[in-house]
N, C-alpha and C. Protein backbone atom coordinates (compact mmCIF):
# COMPACT_ATOMS: atom_id res chain seq x y z
N MET A 1 -73.95 -41.01 16.81
CA MET A 1 -73.16 -40.47 15.74
C MET A 1 -71.82 -40.00 16.28
N SER A 2 -70.84 -40.58 15.73
CA SER A 2 -69.51 -40.25 16.20
C SER A 2 -68.91 -39.07 15.45
N ASP A 3 -69.57 -38.55 14.41
CA ASP A 3 -69.05 -37.44 13.64
C ASP A 3 -69.55 -36.09 14.14
N ASP A 4 -70.21 -36.06 15.24
CA ASP A 4 -70.72 -34.79 15.78
C ASP A 4 -69.55 -33.95 16.30
N ILE A 5 -69.67 -32.67 16.08
CA ILE A 5 -68.66 -31.74 16.58
C ILE A 5 -69.12 -31.25 17.94
N THR A 6 -68.32 -31.56 18.91
CA THR A 6 -68.64 -31.16 20.27
C THR A 6 -67.49 -30.30 20.80
N PRO A 7 -67.71 -29.55 21.84
CA PRO A 7 -66.61 -28.77 22.40
C PRO A 7 -65.42 -29.65 22.80
N ALA A 8 -65.65 -30.80 23.27
CA ALA A 8 -64.57 -31.70 23.67
C ALA A 8 -63.77 -32.16 22.46
N SER A 9 -64.46 -32.46 21.32
CA SER A 9 -63.73 -32.89 20.13
C SER A 9 -62.92 -31.74 19.53
N VAL A 10 -63.47 -30.53 19.64
CA VAL A 10 -62.73 -29.36 19.14
C VAL A 10 -61.46 -29.17 19.97
N MET A 11 -61.58 -29.23 21.28
CA MET A 11 -60.41 -29.06 22.16
C MET A 11 -59.39 -30.17 21.95
N THR A 12 -59.84 -31.36 21.74
CA THR A 12 -58.92 -32.48 21.49
C THR A 12 -58.15 -32.25 20.19
N ALA A 13 -58.87 -31.85 19.14
CA ALA A 13 -58.21 -31.59 17.86
C ALA A 13 -57.25 -30.41 17.98
N PHE A 14 -57.68 -29.38 18.73
CA PHE A 14 -56.82 -28.21 18.91
C PHE A 14 -55.50 -28.61 19.56
N TRP A 15 -55.55 -29.33 20.67
CA TRP A 15 -54.33 -29.71 21.37
C TRP A 15 -53.51 -30.71 20.59
N ARG A 16 -54.15 -31.50 19.74
CA ARG A 16 -53.42 -32.45 18.91
C ARG A 16 -52.57 -31.69 17.89
N TRP A 17 -53.11 -30.62 17.30
CA TRP A 17 -52.41 -29.87 16.27
C TRP A 17 -51.60 -28.68 16.83
N PHE A 18 -51.77 -28.35 18.08
CA PHE A 18 -51.09 -27.20 18.66
C PHE A 18 -49.57 -27.32 18.55
N GLY A 19 -49.02 -28.47 18.88
CA GLY A 19 -47.56 -28.68 18.81
C GLY A 19 -47.05 -28.59 17.39
N VAL A 20 -47.81 -29.15 16.45
CA VAL A 20 -47.40 -29.11 15.05
C VAL A 20 -47.39 -27.66 14.55
N ILE A 21 -48.42 -26.91 14.88
CA ILE A 21 -48.51 -25.50 14.46
C ILE A 21 -47.39 -24.69 15.10
N LEU A 22 -47.13 -24.93 16.38
CA LEU A 22 -46.07 -24.21 17.08
C LEU A 22 -44.71 -24.52 16.46
N LEU A 23 -44.46 -25.77 16.14
CA LEU A 23 -43.21 -26.17 15.49
C LEU A 23 -43.08 -25.51 14.11
N ALA A 24 -44.17 -25.48 13.35
CA ALA A 24 -44.14 -24.85 12.03
C ALA A 24 -43.83 -23.36 12.14
N LEU A 25 -44.44 -22.68 13.12
CA LEU A 25 -44.16 -21.26 13.32
C LEU A 25 -42.71 -21.03 13.72
N ALA A 26 -42.19 -21.91 14.57
CA ALA A 26 -40.78 -21.79 14.98
C ALA A 26 -39.85 -21.98 13.79
N LEU A 27 -40.17 -22.95 12.94
CA LEU A 27 -39.34 -23.18 11.74
C LEU A 27 -39.42 -21.99 10.78
N ILE A 28 -40.61 -21.44 10.60
CA ILE A 28 -40.76 -20.28 9.72
C ILE A 28 -39.96 -19.10 10.28
N ALA A 29 -40.04 -18.89 11.60
CA ALA A 29 -39.29 -17.80 12.23
C ALA A 29 -37.79 -18.02 12.06
N ALA A 30 -37.34 -19.26 12.24
CA ALA A 30 -35.92 -19.56 12.07
C ALA A 30 -35.47 -19.30 10.63
N LEU A 31 -36.29 -19.68 9.66
CA LEU A 31 -35.95 -19.42 8.27
C LEU A 31 -35.88 -17.94 7.97
N VAL A 32 -36.82 -17.17 8.50
CA VAL A 32 -36.83 -15.73 8.26
C VAL A 32 -35.59 -15.08 8.88
N VAL A 33 -35.33 -15.39 10.15
CA VAL A 33 -34.16 -14.80 10.83
C VAL A 33 -32.87 -15.28 10.17
N GLY A 34 -32.79 -16.55 9.86
CA GLY A 34 -31.60 -17.09 9.20
C GLY A 34 -31.38 -16.45 7.83
N GLY A 35 -32.44 -16.29 7.07
CA GLY A 35 -32.32 -15.63 5.77
C GLY A 35 -31.88 -14.18 5.90
N TRP A 36 -32.41 -13.52 6.91
CA TRP A 36 -32.03 -12.13 7.15
C TRP A 36 -30.54 -12.04 7.49
N GLN A 37 -30.08 -12.93 8.38
CA GLN A 37 -28.66 -12.94 8.75
C GLN A 37 -27.79 -13.31 7.55
N ALA A 38 -28.24 -14.26 6.76
CA ALA A 38 -27.48 -14.65 5.56
C ALA A 38 -27.38 -13.47 4.60
N GLY A 39 -28.44 -12.69 4.49
CA GLY A 39 -28.41 -11.50 3.63
C GLY A 39 -27.36 -10.52 4.09
N TRP A 40 -27.28 -10.29 5.40
CA TRP A 40 -26.25 -9.39 5.93
C TRP A 40 -24.86 -9.96 5.67
N TRP A 41 -24.70 -11.26 5.83
CA TRP A 41 -23.39 -11.88 5.61
C TRP A 41 -22.97 -11.71 4.15
N PHE A 42 -23.90 -11.99 3.21
CA PHE A 42 -23.59 -11.85 1.79
C PHE A 42 -23.26 -10.40 1.45
N THR A 43 -23.99 -9.46 2.04
CA THR A 43 -23.72 -8.04 1.80
C THR A 43 -22.32 -7.68 2.29
N THR A 44 -21.96 -8.15 3.47
CA THR A 44 -20.63 -7.87 4.01
C THR A 44 -19.54 -8.46 3.12
N GLN A 45 -19.75 -9.67 2.66
CA GLN A 45 -18.77 -10.30 1.78
C GLN A 45 -18.64 -9.55 0.47
N ASP A 46 -19.74 -9.07 -0.07
CA ASP A 46 -19.72 -8.33 -1.32
C ASP A 46 -18.99 -7.00 -1.16
N VAL A 47 -19.23 -6.32 -0.06
CA VAL A 47 -18.55 -5.05 0.20
C VAL A 47 -17.05 -5.28 0.34
N ALA A 48 -16.66 -6.33 1.04
CA ALA A 48 -15.23 -6.64 1.19
C ALA A 48 -14.60 -6.96 -0.16
N ARG A 49 -15.32 -7.71 -0.99
CA ARG A 49 -14.78 -8.04 -2.32
C ARG A 49 -14.64 -6.79 -3.17
N GLN A 50 -15.65 -5.94 -3.17
CA GLN A 50 -15.59 -4.70 -3.96
C GLN A 50 -14.46 -3.80 -3.46
N SER A 51 -14.30 -3.73 -2.15
CA SER A 51 -13.22 -2.92 -1.58
C SER A 51 -11.86 -3.44 -2.02
N ASN A 52 -11.71 -4.76 -2.03
CA ASN A 52 -10.46 -5.37 -2.46
C ASN A 52 -10.20 -5.09 -3.94
N VAL A 53 -11.23 -5.15 -4.75
CA VAL A 53 -11.08 -4.87 -6.19
C VAL A 53 -10.64 -3.42 -6.40
N ILE A 54 -11.29 -2.51 -5.68
CA ILE A 54 -10.94 -1.10 -5.81
C ILE A 54 -9.51 -0.85 -5.34
N ARG A 55 -9.13 -1.47 -4.21
CA ARG A 55 -7.80 -1.27 -3.66
C ARG A 55 -6.72 -1.80 -4.60
N ASN A 56 -7.03 -2.84 -5.33
CA ASN A 56 -6.01 -3.47 -6.17
C ASN A 56 -6.11 -3.12 -7.64
N ASN A 57 -7.02 -2.21 -8.01
CA ASN A 57 -7.09 -1.90 -9.43
C ASN A 57 -5.86 -1.09 -9.85
N TYR A 58 -5.59 -1.08 -11.10
CA TYR A 58 -4.34 -0.50 -11.60
C TYR A 58 -4.24 0.99 -11.33
N ALA A 59 -5.34 1.72 -11.49
CA ALA A 59 -5.31 3.17 -11.27
C ALA A 59 -4.96 3.48 -9.81
N THR A 60 -5.52 2.73 -8.87
CA THR A 60 -5.21 2.95 -7.47
C THR A 60 -3.75 2.61 -7.19
N GLN A 61 -3.27 1.53 -7.76
CA GLN A 61 -1.87 1.15 -7.57
C GLN A 61 -0.94 2.22 -8.14
N GLU A 62 -1.29 2.77 -9.29
CA GLU A 62 -0.48 3.85 -9.88
C GLU A 62 -0.47 5.08 -8.97
N THR A 63 -1.61 5.38 -8.36
CA THR A 63 -1.69 6.50 -7.44
C THR A 63 -0.80 6.27 -6.22
N TYR A 64 -0.84 5.06 -5.67
CA TYR A 64 0.04 4.73 -4.55
C TYR A 64 1.51 4.89 -4.94
N LEU A 65 1.83 4.43 -6.13
CA LEU A 65 3.21 4.53 -6.61
C LEU A 65 3.62 5.99 -6.77
N GLN A 66 2.71 6.83 -7.27
CA GLN A 66 3.00 8.26 -7.41
C GLN A 66 3.18 8.92 -6.04
N GLN A 67 2.36 8.53 -5.08
CA GLN A 67 2.52 9.07 -3.72
C GLN A 67 3.87 8.66 -3.12
N LEU A 68 4.27 7.42 -3.35
CA LEU A 68 5.56 6.95 -2.87
C LEU A 68 6.69 7.77 -3.48
N SER A 69 6.62 7.99 -4.78
CA SER A 69 7.63 8.80 -5.46
C SER A 69 7.65 10.23 -4.93
N LYS A 70 6.47 10.75 -4.61
CA LYS A 70 6.38 12.11 -4.06
C LYS A 70 7.07 12.18 -2.70
N TYR A 71 6.81 11.20 -1.84
CA TYR A 71 7.46 11.18 -0.52
C TYR A 71 8.98 11.10 -0.68
N ILE A 72 9.45 10.26 -1.57
CA ILE A 72 10.89 10.11 -1.77
C ILE A 72 11.48 11.39 -2.36
N GLY A 73 10.76 12.04 -3.26
CA GLY A 73 11.19 13.34 -3.79
C GLY A 73 11.27 14.39 -2.71
N ASN A 74 10.27 14.40 -1.81
CA ASN A 74 10.30 15.34 -0.68
C ASN A 74 11.53 15.11 0.19
N LEU A 75 11.90 13.85 0.35
CA LEU A 75 13.09 13.53 1.15
C LEU A 75 14.36 14.07 0.52
N ALA A 76 14.43 14.05 -0.81
CA ALA A 76 15.59 14.61 -1.51
C ALA A 76 15.68 16.12 -1.27
N VAL A 77 14.55 16.80 -1.30
CA VAL A 77 14.52 18.25 -1.05
C VAL A 77 14.93 18.54 0.39
N ILE A 78 14.41 17.75 1.32
CA ILE A 78 14.75 17.94 2.74
C ILE A 78 16.24 17.71 2.96
N LYS A 79 16.82 16.73 2.26
CA LYS A 79 18.26 16.45 2.39
C LYS A 79 19.08 17.66 1.97
N VAL A 80 18.69 18.32 0.90
CA VAL A 80 19.39 19.53 0.45
C VAL A 80 19.27 20.61 1.51
N GLN A 81 18.09 20.76 2.08
CA GLN A 81 17.88 21.77 3.12
C GLN A 81 18.69 21.44 4.38
N GLU A 82 18.81 20.16 4.71
CA GLU A 82 19.58 19.76 5.88
C GLU A 82 21.05 20.14 5.73
N ASP A 83 21.57 20.02 4.51
CA ASP A 83 22.98 20.34 4.26
C ASP A 83 23.26 21.81 4.53
N GLN A 84 22.24 22.65 4.45
CA GLN A 84 22.42 24.10 4.63
C GLN A 84 21.94 24.57 6.00
N ALA A 85 21.38 23.69 6.80
CA ALA A 85 20.78 24.08 8.08
C ALA A 85 21.67 23.69 9.24
N GLY A 86 21.34 24.24 10.39
CA GLY A 86 22.06 23.90 11.61
C GLY A 86 21.15 24.10 12.79
N GLY A 87 21.57 23.57 13.94
CA GLY A 87 20.84 23.78 15.17
C GLY A 87 19.44 23.18 15.15
N GLN A 88 18.49 23.97 15.67
CA GLN A 88 17.10 23.52 15.78
C GLN A 88 16.48 23.27 14.42
N GLU A 89 16.84 24.08 13.43
CA GLU A 89 16.29 23.89 12.08
C GLU A 89 16.70 22.53 11.52
N LEU A 90 17.92 22.12 11.79
CA LEU A 90 18.39 20.81 11.34
C LEU A 90 17.60 19.70 12.01
N ALA A 91 17.38 19.83 13.33
CA ALA A 91 16.60 18.83 14.06
C ALA A 91 15.17 18.74 13.53
N ASP A 92 14.59 19.89 13.21
CA ASP A 92 13.23 19.90 12.66
C ASP A 92 13.18 19.23 11.29
N LEU A 93 14.19 19.50 10.47
CA LEU A 93 14.24 18.89 9.14
C LEU A 93 14.43 17.38 9.23
N GLN A 94 15.24 16.94 10.19
CA GLN A 94 15.44 15.50 10.37
C GLN A 94 14.15 14.83 10.83
N ALA A 95 13.40 15.48 11.69
CA ALA A 95 12.11 14.94 12.14
C ALA A 95 11.12 14.88 10.98
N GLU A 96 11.14 15.93 10.16
CA GLU A 96 10.25 15.93 8.98
C GLU A 96 10.64 14.81 8.02
N ALA A 97 11.93 14.60 7.85
CA ALA A 97 12.39 13.53 6.96
C ALA A 97 11.95 12.17 7.49
N ARG A 98 12.05 11.95 8.81
CA ARG A 98 11.59 10.68 9.39
C ARG A 98 10.09 10.50 9.16
N GLY A 99 9.33 11.58 9.31
CA GLY A 99 7.88 11.51 9.08
C GLY A 99 7.54 11.17 7.64
N GLN A 100 8.23 11.83 6.70
CA GLN A 100 8.00 11.54 5.28
C GLN A 100 8.40 10.09 4.96
N GLY A 101 9.51 9.66 5.53
CA GLY A 101 9.97 8.28 5.32
C GLY A 101 9.00 7.27 5.89
N GLN A 102 8.46 7.56 7.07
CA GLN A 102 7.48 6.67 7.70
C GLN A 102 6.23 6.57 6.83
N GLN A 103 5.76 7.69 6.31
CA GLN A 103 4.57 7.67 5.44
C GLN A 103 4.84 6.86 4.18
N ALA A 104 6.04 7.03 3.62
CA ALA A 104 6.39 6.26 2.42
C ALA A 104 6.41 4.77 2.72
N CYS A 105 7.01 4.40 3.83
CA CYS A 105 7.11 2.97 4.18
C CYS A 105 5.75 2.37 4.51
N GLN A 106 4.85 3.15 5.09
CA GLN A 106 3.51 2.65 5.38
C GLN A 106 2.72 2.41 4.09
N LEU A 107 3.07 3.11 3.05
CA LEU A 107 2.36 2.98 1.77
C LEU A 107 2.81 1.73 1.00
N VAL A 108 4.05 1.30 1.22
CA VAL A 108 4.64 0.20 0.44
C VAL A 108 3.82 -1.10 0.49
N PRO A 109 3.32 -1.57 1.66
CA PRO A 109 2.58 -2.84 1.65
C PRO A 109 1.30 -2.80 0.81
N GLN A 110 0.78 -1.63 0.54
CA GLN A 110 -0.45 -1.51 -0.25
C GLN A 110 -0.18 -1.59 -1.75
N ILE A 111 1.08 -1.48 -2.14
CA ILE A 111 1.44 -1.46 -3.56
C ILE A 111 1.73 -2.88 -4.02
N SER A 112 1.01 -3.32 -5.06
CA SER A 112 1.21 -4.69 -5.55
C SER A 112 1.79 -4.72 -6.96
N ILE A 113 2.18 -3.56 -7.49
CA ILE A 113 2.82 -3.51 -8.80
C ILE A 113 4.30 -3.20 -8.58
N PRO A 114 5.15 -3.45 -9.57
CA PRO A 114 6.59 -3.20 -9.39
C PRO A 114 6.86 -1.74 -9.00
N LEU A 115 7.81 -1.55 -8.09
CA LEU A 115 8.11 -0.22 -7.58
C LEU A 115 8.97 0.62 -8.52
N GLY A 116 9.59 -0.01 -9.49
CA GLY A 116 10.40 0.73 -10.46
C GLY A 116 11.63 1.34 -9.80
N THR A 117 11.88 2.62 -10.07
CA THR A 117 13.09 3.28 -9.58
C THR A 117 13.09 3.47 -8.07
N ASP A 118 11.95 3.39 -7.44
CA ASP A 118 11.87 3.58 -5.98
C ASP A 118 12.20 2.31 -5.20
N ALA A 119 12.37 1.20 -5.88
CA ALA A 119 12.61 -0.08 -5.21
C ALA A 119 13.89 -0.05 -4.37
N GLY A 120 14.92 0.60 -4.84
CA GLY A 120 16.18 0.68 -4.10
C GLY A 120 16.01 1.43 -2.79
N TRP A 121 15.30 2.56 -2.85
CA TRP A 121 15.08 3.34 -1.64
C TRP A 121 14.27 2.52 -0.64
N VAL A 122 13.23 1.85 -1.13
CA VAL A 122 12.38 1.04 -0.26
C VAL A 122 13.21 -0.08 0.39
N ALA A 123 14.04 -0.75 -0.38
CA ALA A 123 14.85 -1.84 0.16
C ALA A 123 15.81 -1.34 1.24
N ALA A 124 16.33 -0.12 1.07
CA ALA A 124 17.31 0.42 2.02
C ALA A 124 16.66 1.00 3.27
N ASN A 125 15.40 1.42 3.18
CA ASN A 125 14.82 2.18 4.29
C ASN A 125 13.57 1.58 4.93
N CYS A 126 12.94 0.61 4.31
CA CYS A 126 11.66 0.10 4.84
C CYS A 126 11.78 -1.36 5.25
N ALA A 127 11.03 -1.70 6.29
CA ALA A 127 10.94 -3.09 6.74
C ALA A 127 9.58 -3.29 7.37
N GLY A 128 8.77 -4.14 6.78
CA GLY A 128 7.47 -4.48 7.35
C GLY A 128 6.50 -3.32 7.44
N GLY A 129 6.53 -2.41 6.49
CA GLY A 129 5.58 -1.31 6.50
C GLY A 129 5.97 -0.15 7.41
N ALA A 130 7.21 -0.14 7.89
CA ALA A 130 7.70 0.95 8.74
C ALA A 130 9.16 1.24 8.39
N LEU A 131 9.66 2.33 8.92
CA LEU A 131 11.07 2.63 8.70
C LEU A 131 11.93 1.54 9.33
N SER A 132 12.92 1.12 8.60
CA SER A 132 13.84 0.11 9.09
C SER A 132 14.76 0.74 10.15
N PRO A 133 15.10 -0.01 11.18
CA PRO A 133 16.02 0.53 12.19
C PRO A 133 17.38 0.92 11.61
N SER A 134 17.73 0.32 10.48
CA SER A 134 19.03 0.64 9.85
C SER A 134 18.91 1.76 8.82
N SER A 135 17.74 2.38 8.70
CA SER A 135 17.53 3.44 7.73
C SER A 135 18.37 4.67 8.07
N ALA A 136 18.88 5.31 7.05
CA ALA A 136 19.66 6.54 7.24
C ALA A 136 18.77 7.66 7.80
N LEU A 137 17.47 7.54 7.67
CA LEU A 137 16.58 8.58 8.20
C LEU A 137 16.49 8.50 9.73
N ILE A 138 16.73 7.33 10.30
CA ILE A 138 16.68 7.18 11.75
C ILE A 138 18.04 7.50 12.36
N GLN A 139 19.09 7.10 11.66
CA GLN A 139 20.44 7.37 12.15
C GLN A 139 20.80 8.83 11.85
N PRO A 140 21.13 9.63 12.88
CA PRO A 140 21.48 11.05 12.62
C PRO A 140 22.79 11.21 11.91
């Protein structure tokens, strides 16, 4: 009888299927790890998209524009104070004006709506997200 189950036939069948089972386990492991990594990738992409939506929504843009106007308004106040100051106080006010101008210029690249009345100041004083070398705030 050739259909008898013997230890030798069991071992032969085991080794015959061992490679197939090992390959199947490796494929399942690859699918699980790949799916897990894909999940992280999709999550990262979704967070980046949501962040971009939040950064570019109208309310955020309006807030950036208000901050820009505030910095420019502060510069007008500092200019009045500079006209009345001298010595070390004048130097301190000029440094404060450069700082306020730098903050304003750093904010400009984030704004994607029209700048309105502040556009002239930005054109005269900002270049590439920083104070322009030709800005009156840098030149004493």
